[in-house]
PDB file of all heavy atoms in Angstrom:
ATOM      1  N   ARG A   1      98.813  87.496  89.942  1.00  0.00           N
ATOM      2  CA  ARG A   1      97.971  88.287  90.857  1.00  0.00           C
ATOM      3  C   ARG A   1      97.622  89.609  90.195  1.00  0.00           C
ATOM      4  O   ARG A   1      98.236  90.022  89.188  1.00  0.00           O
ATOM      5  CB  ARG A   1      98.685  88.550  92.183  1.00  0.00           C
ATOM      6  CG  ARG A   1      99.897  89.491  92.063  1.00  0.00           C
ATOM      7  CD  ARG A   1     100.471  89.808  93.432  1.00  0.00           C
ATOM      8  NE  ARG A   1     101.760  90.454  93.373  1.00  0.00           N
ATOM      9  CZ  ARG A   1     101.973  91.770  93.525  1.00  0.00           C
ATOM     10  NH1 ARG A   1     100.948  92.592  93.686  1.00  0.00           N
ATOM     11  NH2 ARG A   1     103.205  92.237  93.464  1.00  0.00           N
ATOM     12  N   SER A   2      96.628  90.266  90.756  1.00  0.00           N
ATOM     13  CA  SER A   2      96.206  91.554  90.258  1.00  0.00           C
ATOM     14  C   SER A   2      95.836  92.462  91.403  1.00  0.00           C
ATOM     15  O   SER A   2      95.197  92.022  92.369  1.00  0.00           O
ATOM     16  CB  SER A   2      95.012  91.393  89.310  1.00  0.00           C
ATOM     17  OG  SER A   2      94.540  92.647  88.856  1.00  0.00           O
ATOM     18  N   VAL A   3      96.256  93.731  91.343  1.00  0.00           N
ATOM     19  CA  VAL A   3      95.808  94.723  92.319  1.00  0.00           C
ATOM     20  C   VAL A   3      94.391  95.139  91.947  1.00  0.00           C
ATOM     21  O   VAL A   3      94.125  95.573  90.823  1.00  0.00           O
ATOM     22  CB  VAL A   3      96.721  95.959  92.324  1.00  0.00           C
ATOM     23  CG1 VAL A   3      96.354  96.943  93.430  1.00  0.00           C
ATOM     24  CG2 VAL A   3      98.170  95.580  92.425  1.00  0.00           C
ATOM     25  N   VAL A   4      93.451  95.028  92.888  1.00  0.00           N
ATOM     26  CA  VAL A   4      92.048  95.378  92.584  1.00  0.00           C
ATOM     27  C   VAL A   4      91.567  96.615  93.320  1.00  0.00           C
ATOM     28  O   VAL A   4      90.553  97.218  92.940  1.00  0.00           O
ATOM     29  CB  VAL A   4      91.094  94.208  92.872  1.00  0.00           C
ATOM     30  CG1 VAL A   4      91.376  93.036  91.960  1.00  0.00           C
ATOM     31  CG2 VAL A   4      91.151  93.772  94.327  1.00  0.00           C
ATOM     32  N   ASP A   5      92.305  97.071  94.347  1.00  0.00           N
ATOM     33  CA  ASP A   5      91.927  98.308  95.044  1.00  0.00           C
ATOM     34  C   ASP A   5      93.052  98.749  95.913  1.00  0.00           C
ATOM     35  O   ASP A   5      94.013  97.996  96.204  1.00  0.00           O
ATOM     36  CB  ASP A   5      90.651  98.078  95.858  1.00  0.00           C
ATOM     37  CG  ASP A   5      89.798  99.365  95.957  1.00  0.00           C
ATOM     38  OD1 ASP A   5      90.351 100.452  95.696  1.00  0.00           O
ATOM     39  OD2 ASP A   5      88.611  99.275  96.310  1.00  0.00           O
ATOM     40  N   GLN A   6      92.968 100.000  96.380  1.00  0.00           N
ATOM     41  CA  GLN A   6      93.967 100.523  97.298  1.00  0.00           C
ATOM     42  C   GLN A   6      93.368 101.616  98.175  1.00  0.00           C
ATOM     43  O   GLN A   6      92.401 102.276  97.791  1.00  0.00           O
ATOM     44  CB  GLN A   6      95.186 101.093  96.525  1.00  0.00           C
ATOM     45  CG  GLN A   6      94.864 102.293  95.645  1.00  0.00           C
ATOM     46  CD  GLN A   6      96.075 102.807  94.897  1.00  0.00           C
ATOM     47  OE1 GLN A   6      97.209 102.776  95.399  1.00  0.00           O
ATOM     48  NE2 GLN A   6      95.868 103.226  93.672  1.00  0.00           N
ATOM     49  N   ALA A   7      93.903 101.770  99.352  1.00  0.00           N
ATOM     50  CA  ALA A   7      93.628 102.916 100.215  1.00  0.00           C
ATOM     51  C   ALA A   7      94.937 103.680 100.325  1.00  0.00           C
ATOM     52  O   ALA A   7      95.882 103.249 101.005  1.00  0.00           O
ATOM     53  CB  ALA A   7      93.143 102.441 101.607  1.00  0.00           C
ATOM     54  N   GLU A   8      95.036 104.750  99.580  1.00  0.00           N
ATOM     55  CA  GLU A   8      96.306 105.425  99.344  1.00  0.00           C
ATOM     56  C   GLU A   8      96.724 106.278 100.564  1.00  0.00           C
ATOM     57  O   GLU A   8      95.907 106.957 101.172  1.00  0.00           O
ATOM     58  CB  GLU A   8      96.212 106.293  98.112  1.00  0.00           C
ATOM     59  CG  GLU A   8      97.546 106.690  97.505  1.00  0.00           C
ATOM     60  CD  GLU A   8      97.375 107.369  96.177  1.00  0.00           C
ATOM     61  OE1 GLU A   8      96.274 107.269  95.585  1.00  0.00           O
ATOM     62  OE2 GLU A   8      98.339 108.001  95.713  1.00  0.00           O
ATOM     63  N   SER A   9      98.014 106.225 100.863  1.00  0.00           N
ATOM     64  CA  SER A   9      98.566 107.036 101.919  1.00  0.00           C
ATOM     65  C   SER A   9      98.354 108.526 101.620  1.00  0.00           C
ATOM     66  O   SER A   9      98.266 108.942 100.456  1.00  0.00           O
ATOM     67  CB  SER A   9     100.088 106.767 102.056  1.00  0.00           C
ATOM     68  OG  SER A   9     100.702 107.703 102.908  1.00  0.00           O
ATOM     69  N   ARG A  10      98.298 109.311 102.690  1.00  0.00           N
ATOM     70  CA  ARG A  10      98.155 110.765 102.511  1.00  0.00           C
ATOM     71  C   ARG A  10      99.509 111.473 102.571  1.00  0.00           C
ATOM     72  O   ARG A  10      99.600 112.695 102.490  1.00  0.00           O
ATOM     73  CB  ARG A  10      97.228 111.328 103.610  1.00  0.00           C
ATOM     74  CG  ARG A  10      95.813 110.766 103.550  1.00  0.00           C
ATOM     75  CD  ARG A  10      94.926 111.447 104.577  1.00  0.00           C
ATOM     76  NE  ARG A  10      93.563 110.946 104.509  1.00  0.00           N
ATOM     77  CZ  ARG A  10      93.090 109.942 105.260  1.00  0.00           C
ATOM     78  NH1 ARG A  10      93.904 109.363 106.135  1.00  0.00           N
ATOM     79  NH2 ARG A  10      91.844 109.543 105.158  1.00  0.00           N
ATOM     80  N   GLN A  11     100.598 110.697 102.716  1.00  0.00           N
ATOM     81  CA  GLN A  11     101.946 111.246 102.734  1.00  0.00           C
ATOM     82  C   GLN A  11     102.303 111.841 101.362  1.00  0.00           C
ATOM     83  O   GLN A  11     101.897 111.274 100.332  1.00  0.00           O
ATOM     84  CB  GLN A  11     102.955 110.173 103.095  1.00  0.00           C
ATOM     85  CG  GLN A  11     102.805 109.604 104.507  1.00  0.00           C
ATOM     86  CD  GLN A  11     103.604 110.356 105.505  1.00  0.00           C
ATOM     87  OE1 GLN A  11     104.125 111.463 105.231  1.00  0.00           O
ATOM     88  NE2 GLN A  11     103.776 109.816 106.693  1.00  0.00           N
ATOM     89  N   PRO A  12     103.057 112.946 101.310  1.00  0.00           N
ATOM     90  CA  PRO A  12     103.465 113.502 100.025  1.00  0.00           C
ATOM     91  C   PRO A  12     104.300 112.491  99.213  1.00  0.00           C
ATOM     92  O   PRO A  12     104.164 112.381  98.002  1.00  0.00           O
ATOM     93  CB  PRO A  12     104.310 114.719 100.398  1.00  0.00           C
ATOM     94  CG  PRO A  12     103.835 115.100 101.769  1.00  0.00           C
ATOM     95  CD  PRO A  12     103.478 113.792 102.446  1.00  0.00           C
ATOM     96  N   LEU A  13     105.177 111.749  99.911  1.00  0.00           N
ATOM     97  CA  LEU A  13     105.966 110.696  99.268  1.00  0.00           C
ATOM     98  C   LEU A  13     105.311 109.370  99.647  1.00  0.00           C
ATOM     99  O   LEU A  13     105.325 108.961 100.810  1.00  0.00           O
ATOM    100  CB  LEU A  13     107.397 110.712  99.765  1.00  0.00           C
ATOM    101  CG  LEU A  13     108.361 109.644  99.201  1.00  0.00           C
ATOM    102  CD1 LEU A  13     108.509 109.793  97.706  1.00  0.00           C
ATOM    103  CD2 LEU A  13     109.710 109.713  99.899  1.00  0.00           C
ATOM    104  N   ARG A  14     104.715 108.667  98.661  1.00  0.00           N
ATOM    105  CA  ARG A  14     103.940 107.467  98.964  1.00  0.00           C
ATOM    106  C   ARG A  14     103.919 106.506  97.824  1.00  0.00           C
ATOM    107  O   ARG A  14     104.262 106.868  96.681  1.00  0.00           O
ATOM    108  CB  ARG A  14     102.503 107.864  99.310  1.00  0.00           C
ATOM    109  CG  ARG A  14     101.741 108.572  98.166  1.00  0.00           C
ATOM    110  CD  ARG A  14     100.357 108.980  98.599  1.00  0.00           C
ATOM    111  NE  ARG A  14      99.613 109.654  97.542  1.00  0.00           N
ATOM    112  CZ  ARG A  14      99.577 110.967  97.342  1.00  0.00           C
ATOM    113  NH1 ARG A  14     100.257 111.755  98.181  1.00  0.00           N
ATOM    114  NH2 ARG A  14      98.870 111.493  96.378  1.00  0.00           N
ATOM    115  N   ARG A  15     103.535 105.279  98.110  1.00  0.00           N
ATOM    116  CA  ARG A  15     103.324 104.252  97.093  1.00  0.00           C
ATOM    117  C   ARG A  15     101.948 104.427  96.496  1.00  0.00           C
ATOM    118  O   ARG A  15     100.962 104.567  97.216  1.00  0.00           O
ATOM    119  CB  ARG A  15     103.433 102.861  97.743  1.00  0.00           C
ATOM    120  CG  ARG A  15     103.012 101.687  96.844  1.00  0.00           C
ATOM    121  CD  ARG A  15     104.018 101.508  95.752  1.00  0.00           C
ATOM    122  NE  ARG A  15     103.956 100.204  95.132  1.00  0.00           N
ATOM    123  CZ  ARG A  15     103.593  99.985  93.839  1.00  0.00           C
ATOM    124  NH1 ARG A  15     103.251 101.026  93.084  1.00  0.00           N
ATOM    125  NH2 ARG A  15     103.608  98.786  93.323  1.00  0.00           N
ATOM    126  N   THR A  16     101.873 104.450  95.168  1.00  0.00           N
ATOM    127  CA  THR A  16     100.586 104.510  94.489  1.00  0.00           C
ATOM    128  C   THR A  16     100.548 103.417  93.425  1.00  0.00           C
ATOM    129  O   THR A  16     101.436 103.348  92.570  1.00  0.00           O
ATOM    130  CB  THR A  16     100.387 105.876  93.805  1.00  0.00           C
ATOM    131  OG1 THR A  16     100.374 106.913  94.796  1.00  0.00           O
ATOM    132  CG2 THR A  16      99.047 105.904  93.068  1.00  0.00           C
ATOM    133  N   TYR A  17      99.521 102.574  93.485  1.00  0.00           N
ATOM    134  CA  TYR A  17      99.382 101.511  92.478  1.00  0.00           C
ATOM    135  C   TYR A  17      98.745 102.097  91.225  1.00  0.00           C
ATOM    136  O   TYR A  17      97.656 102.664  91.268  1.00  0.00           O
ATOM    137  CB  TYR A  17      98.503 100.367  93.009  1.00  0.00           C
ATOM    138  CG  TYR A  17      99.187  99.544  94.068  1.00  0.00           C
ATOM    139  CD1 TYR A  17      98.873  99.696  95.407  1.00  0.00           C
ATOM    140  CD2 TYR A  17     100.152  98.599  93.715  1.00  0.00           C
ATOM    141  CE1 TYR A  17      99.511  98.934  96.378  1.00  0.00           C
ATOM    142  CE2 TYR A  17     100.785  97.841  94.682  1.00  0.00           C
ATOM    143  CZ  TYR A  17     100.452  98.003  96.017  1.00  0.00           C
ATOM    144  OH  TYR A  17     101.082  97.232  96.977  1.00  0.00           O
ATOM    145  N   THR A  18      99.433 101.957  90.100  1.00  0.00           N
ATOM    146  CA  THR A  18      98.926 102.479  88.818  1.00  0.00           C
ATOM    147  C   THR A  18      98.530 101.363  87.868  1.00  0.00           C
ATOM    148  O   THR A  18      98.000 101.649  86.811  1.00  0.00           O
ATOM    149  CB  THR A  18     100.033 103.342  88.147  1.00  0.00           C
ATOM    150  OG1 THR A  18     101.203 102.545  87.930  1.00  0.00           O
ATOM    151  CG2 THR A  18     100.387 104.527  89.013  1.00  0.00           C
ATOM    152  N   GLU A  19      98.771 100.082  88.251  1.00  0.00           N
ATOM    153  CA  GLU A  19      98.539  98.965  87.362  1.00  0.00           C
ATOM    154  C   GLU A  19      97.296  98.143  87.803  1.00  0.00           C
ATOM    155  O   GLU A  19      97.301  96.930  87.759  1.00  0.00           O
ATOM    156  CB  GLU A  19      99.748  98.066  87.246  1.00  0.00           C
ATOM    157  CG  GLU A  19     100.174  97.363  88.555  1.00  0.00           C
ATOM    158  CD  GLU A  19     101.006  98.205  89.481  1.00  0.00           C
ATOM    159  OE1 GLU A  19     100.419  99.117  90.098  1.00  0.00           O
ATOM    160  OE2 GLU A  19     102.213  97.957  89.600  1.00  0.00           O
ATOM    161  N   ILE A  20      96.250  98.841  88.248  1.00  0.00           N
ATOM    162  CA  ILE A  20      95.038  98.156  88.694  1.00  0.00           C
ATOM    163  C   ILE A  20      94.526  97.243  87.605  1.00  0.00           C
ATOM    164  O   ILE A  20      94.323  97.636  86.474  1.00  0.00           O
ATOM    165  CB  ILE A  20      93.943  99.169  89.085  1.00  0.00           C
ATOM    166  CG1 ILE A  20      94.449 100.131  90.167  1.00  0.00           C
ATOM    167  CG2 ILE A  20      92.696  98.454  89.551  1.00  0.00           C
ATOM    168  CD1 ILE A  20      94.732  99.501  91.507  1.00  0.00           C
ATOM    169  N   GLY A  21      94.296  95.955  87.973  1.00  0.00           N
ATOM    170  CA  GLY A  21      93.718  95.006  87.023  1.00  0.00           C
ATOM    171  C   GLY A  21      94.708  94.292  86.144  1.00  0.00           C
ATOM    172  O   GLY A  21      94.338  93.328  85.477  1.00  0.00           O
ATOM    173  N   GLU A  22      96.003  94.684  86.179  1.00  0.00           N
ATOM    174  CA  GLU A  22      96.976  94.016  85.307  1.00  0.00           C
ATOM    175  C   GLU A  22      97.577  92.807  86.011  1.00  0.00           C
ATOM    176  O   GLU A  22      97.786  92.821  87.222  1.00  0.00           O
ATOM    177  CB  GLU A  22      98.100  94.999  84.945  1.00  0.00           C
ATOM    178  CG  GLU A  22      97.636  96.178  84.111  1.00  0.00           C
ATOM    179  CD  GLU A  22      98.778  97.111  83.772  1.00  0.00           C
ATOM    180  OE1 GLU A  22      99.949  96.764  84.022  1.00  0.00           O
ATOM    181  OE2 GLU A  22      98.507  98.217  83.240  1.00  0.00           O
ATOM    182  N   PRO A  23      97.872  91.729  85.271  1.00  0.00           N
ATOM    183  CA  PRO A  23      98.490  90.536  85.883  1.00  0.00           C
ATOM    184  C   PRO A  23      99.934  90.802  86.273  1.00  0.00           C
ATOM    185  O   PRO A  23     100.683  91.405  85.507  1.00  0.00           O
ATOM    186  CB  PRO A  23      98.370  89.485  84.783  1.00  0.00           C
ATOM    187  CG  PRO A  23      98.286  90.255  83.504  1.00  0.00           C
ATOM    188  CD  PRO A  23      97.595  91.560  83.836  1.00  0.00           C
ATOM    189  N   ILE A  24     100.311  90.339  87.452  1.00  0.00           N
ATOM    190  CA  ILE A  24     101.662  90.488  87.964  1.00  0.00           C
ATOM    191  C   ILE A  24     102.179  89.139  88.396  1.00  0.00           C
ATOM    192  O   ILE A  24     101.474  88.397  89.099  1.00  0.00           O
ATOM    193  CB  ILE A  24     101.686  91.444  89.172  1.00  0.00           C
ATOM    194  CG1 ILE A  24     101.099  92.816  88.785  1.00  0.00           C
ATOM    195  CG2 ILE A  24     103.109  91.610  89.727  1.00  0.00           C
ATOM    196  CD1 ILE A  24     100.839  93.718  89.972  1.00  0.00           C
ATOM    197  N   PRO A  25     103.391  88.725  88.025  1.00  0.00           N
ATOM    198  CA  PRO A  25     103.934  87.412  88.414  1.00  0.00           C
ATOM    199  C   PRO A  25     103.986  87.294  89.935  1.00  0.00           C
ATOM    200  O   PRO A  25     104.268  88.273  90.641  1.00  0.00           O
ATOM    201  CB  PRO A  25     105.317  87.395  87.799  1.00  0.00           C
ATOM    202  CG  PRO A  25     105.257  88.369  86.664  1.00  0.00           C
ATOM    203  CD  PRO A  25     104.317  89.448  87.100  1.00  0.00           C
ATOM    204  N   LEU A  26     103.751  86.083  90.447  1.00  0.00           N
ATOM    205  CA  LEU A  26     103.692  85.872  91.884  1.00  0.00           C
ATOM    206  C   LEU A  26     105.039  86.016  92.575  1.00  0.00           C
ATOM    207  O   LEU A  26     105.100  86.302  93.778  1.00  0.00           O
ATOM    208  CB  LEU A  26     103.141  84.483  92.191  1.00  0.00           C
ATOM    209  CG  LEU A  26     101.661  84.263  91.810  1.00  0.00           C
ATOM    210  CD1 LEU A  26     101.226  82.883  92.282  1.00  0.00           C
ATOM    211  CD2 LEU A  26     100.750  85.334  92.385  1.00  0.00           C
ATOM    212  N   HIS A  27     106.148  85.853  91.858  1.00  0.00           N
ATOM    213  CA  HIS A  27     107.451  85.937  92.518  1.00  0.00           C
ATOM    214  C   HIS A  27     107.918  87.357  92.752  1.00  0.00           C
ATOM    215  O   HIS A  27     108.929  87.598  93.404  1.00  0.00           O
ATOM    216  CB  HIS A  27     108.509  85.180  91.690  1.00  0.00           C
ATOM    217  CG  HIS A  27     108.871  85.871  90.431  1.00  0.00           C
ATOM    218  ND1 HIS A  27     108.050  85.906  89.307  1.00  0.00           N
ATOM    219  CD2 HIS A  27     109.998  86.565  90.081  1.00  0.00           C
ATOM    220  CE1 HIS A  27     108.649  86.582  88.339  1.00  0.00           C
ATOM    221  NE2 HIS A  27     109.830  86.983  88.780  1.00  0.00           N
ATOM    222  N   GLN A  28     107.176  88.349  92.213  1.00  0.00           N
ATOM    223  CA  GLN A  28     107.564  89.733  92.302  1.00  0.00           C
ATOM    224  C   GLN A  28     106.773  90.432  93.410  1.00  0.00           C
ATOM    225  O   GLN A  28     105.596  90.747  93.246  1.00  0.00           O
ATOM    226  CB  GLN A  28     107.361  90.468  90.985  1.00  0.00           C
ATOM    227  CG  GLN A  28     108.229  89.956  89.857  1.00  0.00           C
ATOM    228  CD  GLN A  28     108.001  90.692  88.546  1.00  0.00           C
ATOM    229  OE1 GLN A  28     107.240  91.653  88.490  1.00  0.00           O
ATOM    230  NE2 GLN A  28     108.648  90.247  87.473  1.00  0.00           N
ATOM    231  N   GLY A  29     107.403  90.668  94.560  1.00  0.00           N
ATOM    232  CA  GLY A  29     106.782  91.448  95.626  1.00  0.00           C
ATOM    233  C   GLY A  29     106.129  90.599  96.694  1.00  0.00           C
ATOM    234  O   GLY A  29     105.798  89.428  96.493  1.00  0.00           O
ATOM    235  N   ALA A  30     105.888  91.223  97.853  1.00  0.00           N
ATOM    236  CA  ALA A  30     105.341  90.550  99.013  1.00  0.00           C
ATOM    237  C   ALA A  30     103.950  89.987  98.780  1.00  0.00           C
ATOM    238  O   ALA A  30     103.660  88.857  99.184  1.00  0.00           O
ATOM    239  CB  ALA A  30     105.336  91.489 100.241  1.00  0.00           C
TER     240      ALA A  30
END
């Protein structure tokens, strides 16, 4: 899979995807 876009949280502590476009194995993550 690949992350192609995000709507980033406005919280100071938040998840930010930095690997846009990179392949990620399907067994890793929801």
